[in-house]
Amino acid sequence: MAQLGLSNHANRLPYQLSGGMQQRVAMGRAFAQSPDLLLMDEPFGALDAMTRQGAQSVLLQIYAERQCTIAFVTHDVEEALMLSDRIAILTERPGHVAEIIKVPFVRPRIAELQWEPEFIALRREIMCRLRNNGMT
């Protein structure tokens, strides 16, 4: 998968790759199996902001090609809004789905979307709903 951006690093060992490169390798391995469903639990949580944004872009490019279902766990509301079609708000322990919010933004989504009033309003609404469910 050329879009992973690892062609220049093909001869490196895993320990020689940065955290972002290691995440791209993990995505490549997961998508290489052509899954119908891919489960991702905080895959970009340990990455810095710039590396995270790059990994999100790679994920969206691969998703656009493969169109498999991805269940993506994140605590980052902006990340959820950029990557998701639907967001499940969970209750506190034991976690149950309190509600599902449809993300109204068309694909492909660009980084500048996060500055749009509609994006900011939906982010604020989701944060309020999380607070009401005891999740913050």
N, C-alpha and C. Protein backbone atom coordinates (compact mmCIF):
# COMPACT_ATOMS: atom_id res chain seq x y z
N MET A 1 0.83 -1.18 0.00
CA MET A 1 0.00 0.00 0.00
C MET A 1 0.88 1.24 0.00
N ALA A 2 0.98 1.84 -1.14
CA ALA A 2 1.85 3.00 -1.32
C ALA A 2 1.43 4.17 -0.44
N GLN A 3 0.12 4.31 -0.16
CA GLN A 3 -0.35 5.45 0.60
C GLN A 3 0.12 5.44 2.06
N LEU A 4 0.70 4.34 2.52
CA LEU A 4 1.23 4.30 3.88
C LEU A 4 2.47 5.18 4.01
N GLY A 5 3.12 5.50 2.89
CA GLY A 5 4.27 6.38 2.92
C GLY A 5 5.50 5.76 3.56
N LEU A 6 5.66 4.47 3.42
CA LEU A 6 6.78 3.78 4.05
C LEU A 6 7.77 3.20 3.06
N SER A 7 7.60 3.50 1.79
CA SER A 7 8.46 2.92 0.75
C SER A 7 9.94 3.16 1.01
N ASN A 8 10.29 4.33 1.49
CA ASN A 8 11.70 4.67 1.73
C ASN A 8 12.26 3.98 2.98
N HIS A 9 11.40 3.30 3.73
CA HIS A 9 11.82 2.68 4.98
C HIS A 9 11.63 1.16 4.95
N ALA A 10 11.51 0.59 3.79
CA ALA A 10 11.20 -0.84 3.64
C ALA A 10 12.27 -1.74 4.26
N ASN A 11 13.50 -1.30 4.31
CA ASN A 11 14.58 -2.14 4.82
C ASN A 11 14.85 -1.92 6.31
N ARG A 12 14.07 -1.10 6.95
CA ARG A 12 14.29 -0.85 8.38
C ARG A 12 13.60 -1.91 9.23
N LEU A 13 14.16 -2.12 10.39
CA LEU A 13 13.57 -3.03 11.37
C LEU A 13 12.51 -2.26 12.17
N PRO A 14 11.56 -2.96 12.76
CA PRO A 14 10.48 -2.27 13.48
C PRO A 14 10.97 -1.26 14.52
N TYR A 15 12.01 -1.59 15.28
CA TYR A 15 12.47 -0.68 16.32
C TYR A 15 13.09 0.60 15.73
N GLN A 16 13.39 0.58 14.43
CA GLN A 16 13.98 1.75 13.78
C GLN A 16 12.91 2.72 13.25
N LEU A 17 11.66 2.36 13.37
CA LEU A 17 10.57 3.20 12.87
C LEU A 17 10.03 4.07 13.99
N SER A 18 9.56 5.25 13.63
CA SER A 18 8.94 6.14 14.61
C SER A 18 7.58 5.57 15.02
N GLY A 19 6.98 6.14 16.05
CA GLY A 19 5.66 5.68 16.51
C GLY A 19 4.61 5.81 15.42
N GLY A 20 4.66 6.91 14.68
CA GLY A 20 3.70 7.10 13.59
C GLY A 20 3.88 6.08 12.48
N MET A 21 5.13 5.77 12.16
CA MET A 21 5.40 4.75 11.13
C MET A 21 4.94 3.38 11.61
N GLN A 22 5.14 3.08 12.88
CA GLN A 22 4.70 1.81 13.42
C GLN A 22 3.17 1.69 13.34
N GLN A 23 2.45 2.79 13.58
CA GLN A 23 0.99 2.77 13.47
C GLN A 23 0.56 2.55 12.03
N ARG A 24 1.28 3.15 11.07
CA ARG A 24 0.95 2.94 9.65
C ARG A 24 1.20 1.49 9.24
N VAL A 25 2.26 0.89 9.77
CA VAL A 25 2.52 -0.52 9.50
C VAL A 25 1.38 -1.36 10.05
N ALA A 26 0.93 -1.05 11.26
CA ALA A 26 -0.17 -1.80 11.88
C ALA A 26 -1.44 -1.67 11.04
N MET A 27 -1.72 -0.46 10.54
CA MET A 27 -2.90 -0.29 9.68
C MET A 27 -2.75 -1.10 8.40
N GLY A 28 -1.56 -1.08 7.83
CA GLY A 28 -1.31 -1.85 6.61
C GLY A 28 -1.53 -3.33 6.82
N ARG A 29 -1.03 -3.85 7.95
CA ARG A 29 -1.23 -5.28 8.26
C ARG A 29 -2.71 -5.59 8.42
N ALA A 30 -3.44 -4.70 9.09
CA ALA A 30 -4.87 -4.95 9.32
C ALA A 30 -5.64 -4.92 8.00
N PHE A 31 -5.38 -3.93 7.17
CA PHE A 31 -6.11 -3.81 5.91
C PHE A 31 -5.66 -4.85 4.88
N ALA A 32 -4.45 -5.39 5.03
CA ALA A 32 -3.96 -6.40 4.08
C ALA A 32 -4.82 -7.66 4.11
N GLN A 33 -5.52 -7.89 5.21
CA GLN A 33 -6.38 -9.05 5.35
C GLN A 33 -7.75 -8.84 4.69
N SER A 34 -7.98 -7.65 4.13
CA SER A 34 -9.27 -7.29 3.51
C SER A 34 -10.45 -7.62 4.43
N PRO A 35 -10.42 -7.06 5.65
CA PRO A 35 -11.49 -7.39 6.60
C PRO A 35 -12.81 -6.72 6.22
N ASP A 36 -13.91 -7.32 6.64
CA ASP A 36 -15.22 -6.69 6.52
C ASP A 36 -15.42 -5.73 7.68
N LEU A 37 -14.80 -6.03 8.82
CA LEU A 37 -14.90 -5.24 10.03
C LEU A 37 -13.52 -5.08 10.63
N LEU A 38 -13.15 -3.86 10.98
CA LEU A 38 -11.86 -3.58 11.60
C LEU A 38 -12.13 -2.88 12.93
N LEU A 39 -11.61 -3.42 14.01
CA LEU A 39 -11.76 -2.81 15.34
C LEU A 39 -10.49 -2.07 15.68
N MET A 40 -10.62 -0.80 16.03
CA MET A 40 -9.46 0.03 16.36
C MET A 40 -9.71 0.70 17.71
N ASP A 41 -8.88 0.40 18.70
CA ASP A 41 -9.05 0.93 20.04
C ASP A 41 -7.94 1.93 20.33
N GLU A 42 -8.26 3.21 20.28
CA GLU A 42 -7.31 4.29 20.53
C GLU A 42 -6.00 4.11 19.77
N PRO A 43 -6.05 3.86 18.46
CA PRO A 43 -4.81 3.56 17.74
C PRO A 43 -3.85 4.74 17.64
N PHE A 44 -4.35 5.96 17.77
CA PHE A 44 -3.48 7.13 17.60
C PHE A 44 -3.26 7.88 18.92
N GLY A 45 -3.69 7.28 20.02
CA GLY A 45 -3.63 7.96 21.31
C GLY A 45 -2.24 8.38 21.75
N ALA A 46 -1.21 7.63 21.41
CA ALA A 46 0.15 7.93 21.87
C ALA A 46 0.92 8.82 20.89
N LEU A 47 0.27 9.25 19.81
CA LEU A 47 0.97 10.03 18.80
C LEU A 47 0.83 11.53 19.07
N ASP A 48 1.85 12.29 18.66
CA ASP A 48 1.75 13.75 18.77
C ASP A 48 0.73 14.25 17.75
N ALA A 49 0.32 15.51 17.89
CA ALA A 49 -0.78 16.05 17.09
C ALA A 49 -0.53 15.96 15.59
N MET A 50 0.65 16.30 15.13
CA MET A 50 0.93 16.29 13.69
C MET A 50 0.97 14.86 13.15
N THR A 51 1.61 13.96 13.89
CA THR A 51 1.68 12.56 13.47
C THR A 51 0.30 11.94 13.48
N ARG A 52 -0.51 12.30 14.48
CA ARG A 52 -1.88 11.80 14.59
C ARG A 52 -2.68 12.23 13.37
N GLN A 53 -2.58 13.48 12.99
CA GLN A 53 -3.32 13.98 11.83
C GLN A 53 -2.89 13.24 10.56
N GLY A 54 -1.60 12.97 10.42
CA GLY A 54 -1.13 12.20 9.26
C GLY A 54 -1.67 10.78 9.25
N ALA A 55 -1.68 10.13 10.42
CA ALA A 55 -2.20 8.76 10.52
C ALA A 55 -3.70 8.73 10.23
N GLN A 56 -4.42 9.76 10.68
CA GLN A 56 -5.85 9.85 10.38
C GLN A 56 -6.08 9.98 8.88
N SER A 57 -5.27 10.78 8.22
CA SER A 57 -5.38 10.96 6.77
C SER A 57 -5.14 9.64 6.03
N VAL A 58 -4.12 8.91 6.47
CA VAL A 58 -3.82 7.60 5.86
C VAL A 58 -5.00 6.66 6.06
N LEU A 59 -5.56 6.64 7.27
CA LEU A 59 -6.71 5.77 7.55
C LEU A 59 -7.88 6.13 6.63
N LEU A 60 -8.16 7.41 6.45
CA LEU A 60 -9.27 7.83 5.60
C LEU A 60 -9.02 7.47 4.13
N GLN A 61 -7.77 7.56 3.67
CA GLN A 61 -7.45 7.17 2.29
C GLN A 61 -7.68 5.68 2.08
N ILE A 62 -7.21 4.88 3.03
CA ILE A 62 -7.38 3.43 2.92
C ILE A 62 -8.87 3.08 2.99
N TYR A 63 -9.58 3.72 3.90
CA TYR A 63 -11.02 3.47 4.03
C TYR A 63 -11.75 3.80 2.73
N ALA A 64 -11.37 4.89 2.09
CA ALA A 64 -12.03 5.29 0.83
C ALA A 64 -11.86 4.22 -0.23
N GLU A 65 -10.73 3.52 -0.21
CA GLU A 65 -10.48 2.44 -1.18
C GLU A 65 -11.20 1.15 -0.79
N ARG A 66 -11.16 0.80 0.49
CA ARG A 66 -11.61 -0.51 0.95
C ARG A 66 -13.07 -0.55 1.38
N GLN A 67 -13.57 0.54 1.94
CA GLN A 67 -14.98 0.65 2.37
C GLN A 67 -15.41 -0.43 3.35
N CYS A 68 -14.52 -0.88 4.23
CA CYS A 68 -14.95 -1.83 5.25
C CYS A 68 -15.49 -1.05 6.45
N THR A 69 -16.20 -1.72 7.32
CA THR A 69 -16.71 -1.10 8.52
C THR A 69 -15.59 -1.00 9.54
N ILE A 70 -15.45 0.17 10.15
CA ILE A 70 -14.43 0.38 11.16
C ILE A 70 -15.12 0.82 12.45
N ALA A 71 -14.90 0.08 13.52
CA ALA A 71 -15.35 0.49 14.85
C ALA A 71 -14.13 1.10 15.52
N PHE A 72 -14.19 2.40 15.77
CA PHE A 72 -13.04 3.17 16.20
C PHE A 72 -13.32 3.75 17.58
N VAL A 73 -12.53 3.35 18.56
CA VAL A 73 -12.68 3.88 19.92
C VAL A 73 -11.72 5.04 20.09
N THR A 74 -12.27 6.17 20.54
CA THR A 74 -11.43 7.33 20.83
C THR A 74 -12.10 8.16 21.92
N HIS A 75 -11.28 8.89 22.66
CA HIS A 75 -11.79 9.83 23.64
C HIS A 75 -11.67 11.25 23.11
N ASP A 76 -11.20 11.39 21.89
CA ASP A 76 -10.98 12.69 21.25
C ASP A 76 -12.19 13.00 20.37
N VAL A 77 -12.99 13.97 20.79
CA VAL A 77 -14.23 14.30 20.08
C VAL A 77 -13.93 14.79 18.66
N GLU A 78 -12.91 15.60 18.48
CA GLU A 78 -12.58 16.08 17.13
C GLU A 78 -12.18 14.93 16.24
N GLU A 79 -11.41 13.99 16.76
CA GLU A 79 -11.02 12.81 15.99
C GLU A 79 -12.26 12.03 15.58
N ALA A 80 -13.19 11.85 16.50
CA ALA A 80 -14.43 11.13 16.19
C ALA A 80 -15.21 11.85 15.09
N LEU A 81 -15.28 13.16 15.17
CA LEU A 81 -16.02 13.92 14.15
C LEU A 81 -15.35 13.86 12.78
N MET A 82 -14.03 13.84 12.76
CA MET A 82 -13.32 13.80 11.48
C MET A 82 -13.37 12.42 10.83
N LEU A 83 -13.38 11.36 11.63
CA LEU A 83 -13.26 10.02 11.09
C LEU A 83 -14.58 9.26 10.97
N SER A 84 -15.60 9.67 11.71
CA SER A 84 -16.79 8.83 11.86
C SER A 84 -17.98 9.28 11.04
N ASP A 85 -18.85 8.32 10.77
CA ASP A 85 -20.16 8.61 10.21
C ASP A 85 -21.21 8.66 11.32
N ARG A 86 -20.96 7.89 12.39
CA ARG A 86 -21.83 7.87 13.56
C ARG A 86 -20.94 7.80 14.80
N ILE A 87 -21.39 8.49 15.85
CA ILE A 87 -20.66 8.49 17.12
C ILE A 87 -21.58 7.92 18.19
N ALA A 88 -21.11 6.92 18.89
CA ALA A 88 -21.87 6.34 20.00
C ALA A 88 -21.38 6.98 21.30
N ILE A 89 -22.30 7.57 22.02
CA ILE A 89 -22.01 8.13 23.34
C ILE A 89 -22.30 7.03 24.35
N LEU A 90 -21.31 6.71 25.17
CA LEU A 90 -21.47 5.64 26.15
C LEU A 90 -21.73 6.21 27.54
N THR A 91 -22.39 5.41 28.37
CA THR A 91 -22.59 5.77 29.76
C THR A 91 -21.34 5.38 30.54
N GLU A 92 -21.31 5.82 31.81
CA GLU A 92 -20.25 5.38 32.68
C GLU A 92 -20.44 3.90 32.99
N ARG A 93 -19.52 3.32 33.69
CA ARG A 93 -19.54 1.89 33.98
C ARG A 93 -20.85 1.43 34.58
N PRO A 94 -21.34 0.32 34.14
CA PRO A 94 -20.89 -0.40 32.96
C PRO A 94 -21.31 0.36 31.71
N GLY A 95 -20.43 0.43 30.74
CA GLY A 95 -20.68 1.21 29.54
C GLY A 95 -21.79 0.66 28.66
N HIS A 96 -22.81 1.45 28.46
CA HIS A 96 -23.90 1.14 27.54
C HIS A 96 -24.02 2.29 26.57
N VAL A 97 -24.54 2.02 25.39
CA VAL A 97 -24.75 3.09 24.42
C VAL A 97 -25.91 3.95 24.88
N ALA A 98 -25.62 5.21 25.19
CA ALA A 98 -26.66 6.14 25.63
C ALA A 98 -27.38 6.72 24.43
N GLU A 99 -26.62 7.01 23.37
CA GLU A 99 -27.21 7.54 22.14
C GLU A 99 -26.21 7.45 21.01
N ILE A 100 -26.73 7.55 19.80
CA ILE A 100 -25.89 7.54 18.61
C ILE A 100 -26.16 8.84 17.87
N ILE A 101 -25.08 9.53 17.53
CA ILE A 101 -25.17 10.80 16.82
C ILE A 101 -24.67 10.61 15.40
N LYS A 102 -25.47 11.01 14.43
CA LYS A 102 -25.06 10.94 13.03
C LYS A 102 -24.20 12.16 12.72
N VAL A 103 -23.03 11.93 12.13
CA VAL A 103 -22.13 13.02 11.75
C VAL A 103 -22.57 13.51 10.37
N PRO A 104 -22.96 14.79 10.26
CA PRO A 104 -23.57 15.28 9.02
C PRO A 104 -22.59 15.75 7.94
N PHE A 105 -21.31 15.70 8.20
CA PHE A 105 -20.35 16.27 7.26
C PHE A 105 -20.01 15.29 6.13
N VAL A 106 -19.98 15.80 4.91
CA VAL A 106 -19.72 14.95 3.74
C VAL A 106 -18.24 14.56 3.69
N ARG A 107 -17.99 13.46 3.01
CA ARG A 107 -16.62 13.01 2.77
C ARG A 107 -16.20 13.43 1.38
N PRO A 108 -14.96 13.64 1.12
CA PRO A 108 -13.85 13.60 2.07
C PRO A 108 -13.87 14.84 2.95
N ARG A 109 -13.48 14.64 4.20
CA ARG A 109 -13.41 15.75 5.15
C ARG A 109 -11.99 16.28 5.17
N ILE A 110 -11.88 17.58 5.22
CA ILE A 110 -10.56 18.20 5.23
C ILE A 110 -10.31 18.80 6.61
N ALA A 111 -9.06 18.98 6.94
CA ALA A 111 -8.67 19.46 8.27
C ALA A 111 -9.32 20.81 8.61
N GLU A 112 -9.54 21.64 7.62
CA GLU A 112 -10.12 22.97 7.86
C GLU A 112 -11.55 22.89 8.36
N LEU A 113 -12.19 21.72 8.22
CA LEU A 113 -13.56 21.53 8.70
C LEU A 113 -13.67 21.86 10.18
N GLN A 114 -12.62 21.58 10.94
CA GLN A 114 -12.67 21.79 12.38
C GLN A 114 -12.87 23.25 12.78
N TRP A 115 -12.71 24.18 11.85
CA TRP A 115 -12.89 25.61 12.15
C TRP A 115 -14.27 26.12 11.72
N GLU A 116 -15.05 25.26 11.09
CA GLU A 116 -16.39 25.65 10.62
C GLU A 116 -17.36 25.73 11.80
N PRO A 117 -18.27 26.72 11.78
CA PRO A 117 -19.22 26.88 12.90
C PRO A 117 -20.05 25.62 13.18
N GLU A 118 -20.44 24.88 12.13
CA GLU A 118 -21.25 23.67 12.32
C GLU A 118 -20.46 22.60 13.06
N PHE A 119 -19.17 22.48 12.73
CA PHE A 119 -18.30 21.51 13.39
C PHE A 119 -18.14 21.88 14.86
N ILE A 120 -17.86 23.15 15.11
CA ILE A 120 -17.67 23.62 16.48
C ILE A 120 -18.93 23.41 17.31
N ALA A 121 -20.09 23.70 16.72
CA ALA A 121 -21.36 23.53 17.43
C ALA A 121 -21.61 22.06 17.77
N LEU A 122 -21.36 21.16 16.83
CA LEU A 122 -21.57 19.74 17.08
C LEU A 122 -20.58 19.22 18.11
N ARG A 123 -19.34 19.69 18.05
CA ARG A 123 -18.35 19.30 19.05
C ARG A 123 -18.82 19.72 20.44
N ARG A 124 -19.29 20.95 20.55
CA ARG A 124 -19.79 21.46 21.83
C ARG A 124 -20.98 20.62 22.32
N GLU A 125 -21.90 20.30 21.42
CA GLU A 125 -23.06 19.49 21.78
C GLU A 125 -22.65 18.11 22.30
N ILE A 126 -21.69 17.48 21.61
CA ILE A 126 -21.22 16.17 22.04
C ILE A 126 -20.54 16.25 23.40
N MET A 127 -19.74 17.28 23.62
CA MET A 127 -19.08 17.45 24.92
C MET A 127 -20.12 17.61 26.03
N CYS A 128 -21.18 18.35 25.78
CA CYS A 128 -22.26 18.50 26.77
C CYS A 128 -22.93 17.16 27.04
N ARG A 129 -23.18 16.40 26.00
CA ARG A 129 -23.82 15.09 26.17
C ARG A 129 -22.91 14.14 26.95
N LEU A 130 -21.62 14.21 26.70
CA LEU A 130 -20.68 13.38 27.46
C LEU A 130 -20.70 13.77 28.94
N ARG A 131 -20.72 15.07 29.22
CA ARG A 131 -20.79 15.52 30.61
C ARG A 131 -22.08 15.03 31.26
N ASN A 132 -23.20 15.08 30.54
CA ASN A 132 -24.48 14.65 31.08
C ASN A 132 -24.52 13.15 31.36
N ASN A 133 -23.65 12.39 30.66
CA ASN A 133 -23.59 10.94 30.88
C ASN A 133 -22.45 10.56 31.82
N GLY A 134 -21.86 11.57 32.47
CA GLY A 134 -20.81 11.30 33.45
C GLY A 134 -19.50 10.84 32.85
N MET A 135 -19.23 11.24 31.61
CA MET A 135 -18.03 10.73 30.93
C MET A 135 -16.87 11.71 30.93
N THR A 136 -16.98 12.85 31.58
CA THR A 136 -15.84 13.77 31.61
C THR A 136 -15.35 14.01 33.01
